[in-house]
């Protein structure tokens, strides 16, 4: 960044070139220093079809009955996933 020549900014085109160069340098630094992440890492892997349906139903109704059903559907898949994942 400190090597960008800003001494000769006399017109719009030169400023535009400098801004483009600056943008390109930022993109280079970004690509060099970022790491690619996988979305699956944050996905709830224990979710199954029944849980998804129950969740959607609760989101639509916001009723206590549907909330209890959602909780019921979440316990079994979570437990199954945890025991299979952390089995020694």
N, C-alpha and C. Protein backbone atom coordinates (compact mmCIF):
# COMPACT_ATOMS: atom_id res chain seq x y z
N UNK A 1 0.81 -1.19 0.00
CA UNK A 1 0.00 0.00 0.00
C UNK A 1 0.86 1.26 0.00
N UNK A 2 1.90 1.21 0.78
CA UNK A 2 2.73 2.41 0.86
C UNK A 2 3.47 2.69 -0.44
N UNK A 3 3.55 1.70 -1.33
CA UNK A 3 4.24 1.89 -2.60
C UNK A 3 3.35 2.48 -3.69
N UNK A 4 2.10 2.72 -3.40
CA UNK A 4 1.22 3.33 -4.39
C UNK A 4 1.63 4.79 -4.59
N UNK A 5 1.77 5.15 -5.85
CA UNK A 5 2.21 6.51 -6.18
C UNK A 5 0.99 7.44 -6.24
N UNK A 6 0.90 8.32 -5.28
CA UNK A 6 -0.22 9.26 -5.25
C UNK A 6 0.22 10.70 -5.55
N UNK A 7 1.43 10.85 -5.98
CA UNK A 7 1.96 12.20 -6.22
C UNK A 7 1.42 12.84 -7.50
N UNK A 8 0.98 12.03 -8.44
CA UNK A 8 0.60 12.58 -9.74
C UNK A 8 -0.90 12.41 -10.00
N UNK A 9 -1.72 12.80 -9.07
CA UNK A 9 -3.17 12.69 -9.24
C UNK A 9 -3.73 14.02 -9.75
N UNK A 10 -3.55 14.23 -11.03
CA UNK A 10 -3.95 15.52 -11.60
C UNK A 10 -5.29 15.47 -12.31
N UNK A 11 -5.77 14.29 -12.65
CA UNK A 11 -7.06 14.23 -13.33
C UNK A 11 -7.83 12.98 -12.90
N UNK A 12 -9.03 12.92 -13.38
CA UNK A 12 -9.94 11.85 -13.00
C UNK A 12 -9.43 10.46 -13.41
N UNK A 13 -8.86 10.35 -14.60
CA UNK A 13 -8.37 9.06 -15.09
C UNK A 13 -7.25 8.50 -14.22
N UNK A 14 -6.37 9.36 -13.79
CA UNK A 14 -5.27 8.90 -12.93
C UNK A 14 -5.80 8.45 -11.56
N UNK A 15 -6.78 9.17 -11.06
CA UNK A 15 -7.40 8.76 -9.80
C UNK A 15 -8.12 7.43 -9.97
N UNK A 16 -8.81 7.27 -11.06
CA UNK A 16 -9.51 6.02 -11.35
C UNK A 16 -8.51 4.85 -11.45
N UNK A 17 -7.41 5.06 -12.11
CA UNK A 17 -6.37 4.03 -12.21
C UNK A 17 -5.82 3.65 -10.83
N UNK A 18 -5.60 4.66 -10.01
CA UNK A 18 -5.09 4.42 -8.68
C UNK A 18 -6.10 3.63 -7.83
N UNK A 19 -7.36 3.99 -7.93
CA UNK A 19 -8.41 3.27 -7.18
C UNK A 19 -8.49 1.82 -7.66
N UNK A 20 -8.39 1.61 -8.94
CA UNK A 20 -8.41 0.23 -9.48
C UNK A 20 -7.20 -0.56 -9.01
N UNK A 21 -6.06 0.06 -8.99
CA UNK A 21 -4.86 -0.61 -8.49
C UNK A 21 -5.00 -0.94 -7.01
N UNK A 22 -5.52 0.01 -6.26
CA UNK A 22 -5.75 -0.20 -4.83
C UNK A 22 -6.71 -1.37 -4.61
N UNK A 23 -7.79 -1.41 -5.36
CA UNK A 23 -8.77 -2.50 -5.28
C UNK A 23 -8.12 -3.84 -5.61
N UNK A 24 -7.32 -3.84 -6.63
CA UNK A 24 -6.64 -5.08 -7.02
C UNK A 24 -5.69 -5.56 -5.91
N UNK A 25 -4.99 -4.65 -5.28
CA UNK A 25 -4.08 -5.02 -4.18
C UNK A 25 -4.87 -5.60 -3.00
N UNK A 26 -5.99 -5.00 -2.68
CA UNK A 26 -6.82 -5.52 -1.59
C UNK A 26 -7.31 -6.92 -1.92
N UNK A 27 -7.75 -7.14 -3.14
CA UNK A 27 -8.20 -8.47 -3.56
C UNK A 27 -7.07 -9.50 -3.46
N UNK A 28 -5.87 -9.12 -3.85
CA UNK A 28 -4.72 -10.02 -3.75
C UNK A 28 -4.46 -10.41 -2.30
N UNK A 29 -4.48 -9.44 -1.43
CA UNK A 29 -4.25 -9.70 -0.01
C UNK A 29 -5.36 -10.58 0.54
N UNK A 30 -6.59 -10.30 0.14
CA UNK A 30 -7.73 -11.08 0.60
C UNK A 30 -7.59 -12.55 0.19
N UNK A 31 -7.30 -12.78 -1.08
CA UNK A 31 -7.15 -14.16 -1.57
C UNK A 31 -5.99 -14.88 -0.89
N UNK A 32 -4.94 -14.16 -0.61
CA UNK A 32 -3.77 -14.78 0.01
C UNK A 32 -4.03 -15.16 1.46
N UNK A 33 -4.80 -14.36 2.18
CA UNK A 33 -4.93 -14.55 3.62
C UNK A 33 -6.24 -15.16 4.10
N UNK A 34 -7.17 -15.38 3.21
CA UNK A 34 -8.42 -16.00 3.65
C UNK A 34 -8.36 -17.50 3.43
N UNK A 35 -9.15 -18.19 4.20
CA UNK A 35 -9.23 -19.63 3.99
C UNK A 35 -10.64 -19.97 3.57
N UNK A 36 -10.75 -20.99 2.79
CA UNK A 36 -12.05 -21.40 2.31
C UNK A 36 -12.70 -22.28 3.37
N UNK A 37 -13.95 -21.98 3.68
CA UNK A 37 -14.66 -22.77 4.66
C UNK A 37 -15.75 -23.59 3.99
N UNK A 38 -16.10 -24.64 4.67
CA UNK A 38 -17.18 -25.48 4.16
C UNK A 38 -18.44 -25.16 4.95
N UNK A 39 -19.53 -24.94 4.25
CA UNK A 39 -20.78 -24.62 4.91
C UNK A 39 -21.30 -25.78 5.74
N UNK A 40 -20.95 -26.96 5.37
CA UNK A 40 -21.42 -28.15 6.08
C UNK A 40 -20.92 -28.15 7.53
N UNK A 41 -19.82 -27.46 7.77
CA UNK A 41 -19.26 -27.42 9.11
C UNK A 41 -20.26 -26.88 10.12
N UNK A 42 -21.07 -25.90 9.71
CA UNK A 42 -22.01 -25.26 10.61
C UNK A 42 -23.42 -25.81 10.48
N UNK A 43 -23.61 -26.70 9.57
CA UNK A 43 -24.93 -27.27 9.35
C UNK A 43 -25.23 -28.28 10.45
N UNK A 44 -26.45 -28.29 10.89
CA UNK A 44 -26.86 -29.25 11.92
C UNK A 44 -26.99 -30.63 11.27
N UNK A 45 -25.98 -31.42 11.39
CA UNK A 45 -25.94 -32.70 10.69
C UNK A 45 -26.95 -33.70 11.24
N UNK A 46 -27.44 -33.48 12.41
CA UNK A 46 -28.40 -34.40 12.99
C UNK A 46 -29.82 -34.14 12.51
N UNK A 47 -30.05 -33.06 11.78
CA UNK A 47 -31.39 -32.75 11.29
C UNK A 47 -31.84 -33.83 10.33
N UNK A 48 -33.04 -34.27 10.48
CA UNK A 48 -33.61 -35.22 9.54
C UNK A 48 -34.90 -34.63 8.97
N UNK A 49 -35.55 -35.38 8.13
CA UNK A 49 -36.74 -34.88 7.44
C UNK A 49 -37.87 -34.55 8.43
N UNK A 50 -38.06 -35.41 9.41
CA UNK A 50 -39.13 -35.18 10.38
C UNK A 50 -38.88 -33.91 11.19
N UNK A 51 -37.60 -33.71 11.56
CA UNK A 51 -37.28 -32.51 12.32
C UNK A 51 -37.51 -31.26 11.47
N UNK A 52 -37.10 -31.30 10.23
CA UNK A 52 -37.29 -30.16 9.33
C UNK A 52 -38.77 -29.83 9.19
N UNK A 53 -39.60 -30.86 9.02
CA UNK A 53 -41.04 -30.64 8.89
C UNK A 53 -41.62 -30.04 10.17
N UNK A 54 -41.19 -30.57 11.28
CA UNK A 54 -41.66 -30.06 12.57
C UNK A 54 -41.22 -28.62 12.78
N UNK A 55 -40.01 -28.31 12.41
CA UNK A 55 -39.50 -26.94 12.53
C UNK A 55 -40.31 -25.98 11.65
N UNK A 56 -40.56 -26.36 10.43
CA UNK A 56 -41.35 -25.50 9.53
C UNK A 56 -42.76 -25.30 10.06
N UNK A 57 -43.33 -26.35 10.59
CA UNK A 57 -44.68 -26.25 11.15
C UNK A 57 -44.69 -25.28 12.33
N UNK A 58 -43.71 -25.40 13.20
CA UNK A 58 -43.64 -24.48 14.34
C UNK A 58 -43.42 -23.04 13.88
N UNK A 59 -42.57 -22.83 12.91
CA UNK A 59 -42.31 -21.47 12.41
C UNK A 59 -43.57 -20.83 11.85
N UNK A 60 -44.42 -21.64 11.26
CA UNK A 60 -45.65 -21.10 10.69
C UNK A 60 -46.68 -20.78 11.78
N UNK A 61 -46.78 -21.63 12.77
CA UNK A 61 -47.84 -21.47 13.76
C UNK A 61 -47.42 -20.74 15.03
N UNK A 62 -46.19 -20.97 15.45
CA UNK A 62 -45.67 -20.43 16.72
C UNK A 62 -46.51 -20.88 17.93
N UNK A 63 -47.09 -22.05 17.83
CA UNK A 63 -47.92 -22.55 18.93
C UNK A 63 -47.09 -23.39 19.90
N UNK A 64 -47.54 -23.46 21.11
CA UNK A 64 -46.87 -24.25 22.15
C UNK A 64 -46.89 -25.73 21.78
N UNK A 65 -47.99 -26.18 21.26
CA UNK A 65 -48.12 -27.58 20.85
C UNK A 65 -47.05 -27.95 19.80
N UNK A 66 -46.88 -27.09 18.81
CA UNK A 66 -45.87 -27.34 17.77
C UNK A 66 -44.46 -27.22 18.32
N UNK A 67 -44.26 -26.34 19.29
CA UNK A 67 -42.96 -26.22 19.93
C UNK A 67 -42.60 -27.53 20.65
N UNK A 68 -43.55 -28.09 21.36
CA UNK A 68 -43.31 -29.35 22.06
C UNK A 68 -43.02 -30.48 21.08
N UNK A 69 -43.73 -30.47 19.97
CA UNK A 69 -43.47 -31.47 18.94
C UNK A 69 -42.06 -31.32 18.36
N UNK A 70 -41.66 -30.10 18.15
CA UNK A 70 -40.31 -29.82 17.65
C UNK A 70 -39.27 -30.34 18.63
N UNK A 71 -39.45 -30.07 19.90
CA UNK A 71 -38.52 -30.54 20.93
C UNK A 71 -38.47 -32.06 20.94
N UNK A 72 -39.61 -32.68 20.79
CA UNK A 72 -39.66 -34.15 20.77
C UNK A 72 -38.85 -34.71 19.60
N UNK A 73 -39.03 -34.12 18.43
CA UNK A 73 -38.33 -34.60 17.25
C UNK A 73 -36.83 -34.33 17.31
N UNK A 74 -36.41 -33.35 18.07
CA UNK A 74 -34.99 -33.02 18.11
C UNK A 74 -34.19 -33.94 19.03
N UNK A 75 -34.80 -34.49 20.04
CA UNK A 75 -34.05 -35.28 21.02
C UNK A 75 -33.45 -36.55 20.42
N UNK A 76 -34.25 -37.31 19.73
CA UNK A 76 -33.76 -38.58 19.19
C UNK A 76 -32.65 -38.41 18.15
N UNK A 77 -32.84 -37.56 17.13
CA UNK A 77 -31.75 -37.40 16.15
C UNK A 77 -30.46 -36.85 16.76
N UNK A 78 -30.58 -35.93 17.71
CA UNK A 78 -29.38 -35.40 18.36
C UNK A 78 -28.64 -36.50 19.10
N UNK A 79 -29.38 -37.30 19.82
CA UNK A 79 -28.76 -38.36 20.59
C UNK A 79 -28.09 -39.38 19.67
N UNK A 80 -28.79 -39.78 18.63
CA UNK A 80 -28.25 -40.74 17.67
C UNK A 80 -26.98 -40.19 17.02
N UNK A 81 -27.04 -38.95 16.60
CA UNK A 81 -25.88 -38.33 15.96
C UNK A 81 -24.70 -38.25 16.93
N UNK A 82 -24.96 -37.83 18.14
CA UNK A 82 -23.88 -37.68 19.14
C UNK A 82 -23.23 -39.02 19.47
N UNK A 83 -24.03 -40.04 19.66
CA UNK A 83 -23.44 -41.33 20.01
C UNK A 83 -22.65 -41.92 18.84
N UNK A 84 -23.12 -41.71 17.63
CA UNK A 84 -22.37 -42.24 16.47
C UNK A 84 -21.11 -41.42 16.21
N UNK A 85 -21.17 -40.13 16.47
CA UNK A 85 -20.04 -39.25 16.17
C UNK A 85 -18.93 -39.38 17.21
N UNK A 86 -19.29 -39.54 18.46
CA UNK A 86 -18.29 -39.53 19.52
C UNK A 86 -18.05 -40.90 20.12
N UNK A 87 -18.41 -41.91 19.38
CA UNK A 87 -18.18 -43.27 19.83
C UNK A 87 -16.69 -43.58 19.84
N UNK A 88 -16.23 -44.19 20.89
CA UNK A 88 -14.79 -44.51 20.96
C UNK A 88 -14.55 -45.95 20.78
